[in-house]
Structure formats: C-alpha cells, structure tokens
C-alpha atoms as a PDB file:
ATOM      1  CA  MET A   1     162.706 113.883 115.063  1.00  0.00           C
ATOM      2  CA  ALA A   2     160.126 113.568 111.774  1.00  0.00           C
ATOM      3  CA  GLN A   3     159.448 110.521 109.733  1.00  0.00           C
ATOM      4  CA  LEU A   4     159.506 111.219 106.052  1.00  0.00           C
ATOM      5  CA  ASN A   5     158.890 107.843 104.693  1.00  0.00           C
ATOM      6  CA  ASP A   6     159.627 104.233 105.874  1.00  0.00           C
ATOM      7  CA  ASN A   7     163.446 104.873 105.560  1.00  0.00           C
ATOM      8  CA  GLN A   8     164.000 108.353 105.807  1.00  0.00           C
ATOM      9  CA  PHE A   9     163.801 110.825 108.621  1.00  0.00           C
ATOM     10  CA  LEU A  10     164.333 114.275 109.201  1.00  0.00           C
ATOM     11  CA  VAL A  11     166.420 115.181 112.680  1.00  0.00           C
ATOM     12  CA  THR A  12     167.358 118.045 114.895  1.00  0.00           C
ATOM     13  CA  GLY A  13     168.844 118.604 118.122  1.00  0.00           C
ATOM     14  CA  TYR A  14     171.623 119.984 120.262  1.00  0.00           C
ATOM     15  CA  TYR A  15     173.838 118.570 122.669  1.00  0.00           C
ATOM     16  CA  CYS A  16     172.949 114.756 122.041  1.00  0.00           C
ATOM     17  CA  ARG A  17     173.625 111.898 120.105  1.00  0.00           C
ATOM     18  CA  VAL A  18     171.071 110.252 117.984  1.00  0.00           C
ATOM     19  CA  ASP A  19     171.160 106.688 116.482  1.00  0.00           C
ATOM     20  CA  PHE A  20     169.012 104.508 114.717  1.00  0.00           C
ATOM     21  CA  ARG A  21     168.401 100.429 115.163  1.00  0.00           C
ATOM     22  CA  PRO A  22     166.272  97.883 113.120  1.00  0.00           C
ATOM     23  CA  ALA A  23     163.014  97.980 114.736  1.00  0.00           C
ATOM     24  CA  GLY A  24     161.801  94.438 114.959  1.00  0.00           C
ATOM     25  CA  THR A  25     158.753  92.699 114.068  1.00  0.00           C
ATOM     26  CA  ALA A  26     155.211  94.182 115.387  1.00  0.00           C
ATOM     27  CA  GLN A  27     154.966  91.092 117.671  1.00  0.00           C
ATOM     28  CA  GLN A  28     158.599  91.660 119.106  1.00  0.00           C
ATOM     29  CA  GLN A  29     158.010  95.356 119.675  1.00  0.00           C
ATOM     30  CA  LYS A  30     154.730  94.503 121.598  1.00  0.00           C
ATOM     31  CA  SER A  31     156.215  92.149 123.729  1.00  0.00           C
ATOM     32  CA  GLN A  32     159.526  94.092 123.939  1.00  0.00           C
ATOM     33  CA  GLN A  33     161.473  90.971 123.144  1.00  0.00           C
ATOM     34  CA  ILE A  34     163.715  92.389 120.804  1.00  0.00           C
ATOM     35  CA  VAL A  35     167.748  91.278 121.258  1.00  0.00           C
ATOM     36  CA  PHE A  36     169.985  93.985 120.489  1.00  0.00           C
ATOM     37  CA  GLY A  37     173.442  93.881 119.274  1.00  0.00           C
ATOM     38  CA  THR A  38     176.365  95.235 120.943  1.00  0.00           C
ATOM     39  CA  SER A  39     178.893  96.207 118.268  1.00  0.00           C
ATOM     40  CA  GLN A  40     179.488  99.563 116.678  1.00  0.00           C
ATOM     41  CA  THR A  41     176.882  99.324 114.342  1.00  0.00           C
ATOM     42  CA  PRO A  42     173.487  99.414 116.038  1.00  0.00           C
ATOM     43  CA  SER A  43     171.725  96.134 115.160  1.00  0.00           C
ATOM     44  CA  ALA A  44     168.814  93.699 116.325  1.00  0.00           C
ATOM     45  CA  LEU A  45     167.919  89.927 116.128  1.00  0.00           C
ATOM     46  CA  ILE A  46     164.827  89.751 114.034  1.00  0.00           C
ATOM     47  CA  GLU A  47     163.011  86.421 113.170  1.00  0.00           C
ATOM     48  CA  GLY A  48     166.422  84.788 113.919  1.00  0.00           C
ATOM     49  CA  LYS A  49     168.629  87.016 111.713  1.00  0.00           C
ATOM     50  CA  TRP A  50     170.906  89.856 112.611  1.00  0.00           C
ATOM     51  CA  GLN A  51     169.998  92.788 110.776  1.00  0.00           C
ATOM     52  CA  HIS A  52     172.081  96.033 110.863  1.00  0.00           C
ATOM     53  CA  ARG A  53     171.801  99.844 110.415  1.00  0.00           C
ATOM     54  CA  GLN A  54     173.334 101.281 107.730  1.00  0.00           C
ATOM     55  CA  PHE A  55     173.434 105.075 107.014  1.00  0.00           C
ATOM     56  CA  LEU A  56     172.877 105.833 103.129  1.00  0.00           C
ATOM     57  CA  ARG A  57     173.042 109.258 103.201  1.00  0.00           C
ATOM     58  CA  VAL A  58     172.964 112.222 105.698  1.00  0.00           C
ATOM     59  CA  GLU A  59     172.498 115.614 104.812  1.00  0.00           C
ATOM     60  CA  GLU A  60     172.892 118.723 106.465  1.00  0.00           C
ATOM     61  CA  GLY A  61     170.666 121.370 105.648  1.00  0.00           C
ATOM     62  CA  VAL A  62     168.063 124.101 106.422  1.00  0.00           C
ATOM     63  CA  ASP A  63     163.885 124.034 105.782  1.00  0.00           C
ATOM     64  CA  GLU A  64     162.913 126.788 103.804  1.00  0.00           C
ATOM     65  CA  ASN A  65     159.015 127.097 103.233  1.00  0.00           C
ATOM     66  CA  GLY A  66     158.642 123.274 103.980  1.00  0.00           C
ATOM     67  CA  VAL A  67     161.117 122.057 101.546  1.00  0.00           C
ATOM     68  CA  PHE A  68     164.553 120.817 102.939  1.00  0.00           C
ATOM     69  CA  GLN A  69     167.367 122.620 101.028  1.00  0.00           C
ATOM     70  CA  SER A  70     170.600 120.196 101.328  1.00  0.00           C
ATOM     71  CA  GLN A  71     173.687 122.304 102.141  1.00  0.00           C
ATOM     72  CA  ARG A  72     176.415 119.542 102.583  1.00  0.00           C
ATOM     73  CA  ILE A  73     176.686 115.567 102.855  1.00  0.00           C
ATOM     74  CA  LEU A  74     178.079 114.143 106.186  1.00  0.00           C
ATOM     75  CA  ASN A  75     180.816 111.336 105.481  1.00  0.00           C
ATOM     76  CA  GLY A  76     181.189 108.192 107.364  1.00  0.00           C
ATOM     77  CA  ASP A  77     183.459 109.775 109.848  1.00  0.00           C
ATOM     78  CA  GLN A  78     181.123 111.948 110.892  1.00  0.00           C
ATOM     79  CA  THR A  79     178.294 109.474 111.136  1.00  0.00           C
ATOM     80  CA  ASP A  80     180.022 105.905 112.081  1.00  0.00           C
ATOM     81  CA  TRP A  81     178.888 106.340 116.024  1.00  0.00           C
ATOM     82  CA  GLY A  82     175.861 107.899 115.467  1.00  0.00           C
ATOM     83  CA  LEU A  83     174.543 111.419 114.412  1.00  0.00           C
ATOM     84  CA  ASP A  84     176.258 113.886 117.124  1.00  0.00           C
ATOM     85  CA  PHE A  85     174.939 117.462 117.790  1.00  0.00           C
ATOM     86  CA  GLY A  86     176.817 120.086 119.603  1.00  0.00           C
ATOM     87  CA  SER A  87     175.689 123.671 120.671  1.00  0.00           C
ATOM     88  CA  GLU A  88     174.346 124.642 117.920  1.00  0.00           C
ATOM     89  CA  PRO A  89     170.942 122.959 116.225  1.00  0.00           C
ATOM     90  CA  ASP A  90     171.482 121.374 113.161  1.00  0.00           C
ATOM     91  CA  VAL A  91     168.724 119.611 110.738  1.00  0.00           C
ATOM     92  CA  LEU A  92     169.688 116.479 109.313  1.00  0.00           C
ATOM     93  CA  ARG A  93     168.117 114.695 106.358  1.00  0.00           C
ATOM     94  CA  VAL A  94     168.995 111.148 107.100  1.00  0.00           C
ATOM     95  CA  SER A  95     168.491 107.954 104.651  1.00  0.00           C
ATOM     96  CA  LEU A  96     168.821 104.354 106.404  1.00  0.00           C
ATOM     97  CA  ALA A  97     168.906 101.077 105.008  1.00  0.00           C
ATOM     98  CA  VAL A  98     169.110  97.364 106.882  1.00  0.00           C
ATOM     99  CA  TYR A  99     171.317  94.717 105.887  1.00  0.00           C
END
C-alpha cells in the first residue's frame, strides 16, 4: 500500500482483504484510545462524533512507467465489504471520503 495523497492510496495484494477506517486524531492514535464501530461501513468515534469511511472511486489498473493507467472502475457491489484480492495480484487506486 502506498499513500498518494491525503485520501488516495495505491493498493496491491493477493489472497487478502483490505479496508480502510478513519484514523482518529493524533492524540487518539498516540494513546491508542480509538473506539471503532462494528457495522458494515468501517467507522470510528473521533472527538465525540462518528465518522465513516466511504469509497469515492476504486480503479483497477496497471503502472506504466510510474503512471497509473486505469482499466476499469469497481462498483459498490465489488467494494461494499472491503477490497478483496484473489490469486492474481491486482493494483487498485482508491479514493476515500469520510462522512
């Protein structure tokens, strides 16, 4: 996994599931006092308010000479429980939002 900017990541893998969750404040991270939600959408209690992860866009593609080339966009049915990687490694560019 590589972070491209604040809310965008390049993820690859095989035989695994990857998901994201709001990280909490720096103080919560340091003290490891983050309360996580248990629903389908990963969430965290941050400064007294529940924040939830949302995939804005998940693109499958390849890296060509250091430039990501999108080949297809995954839909919500393909990402609703996280990002599943099978026997063939995929490269995904993931754009996230928090609400």
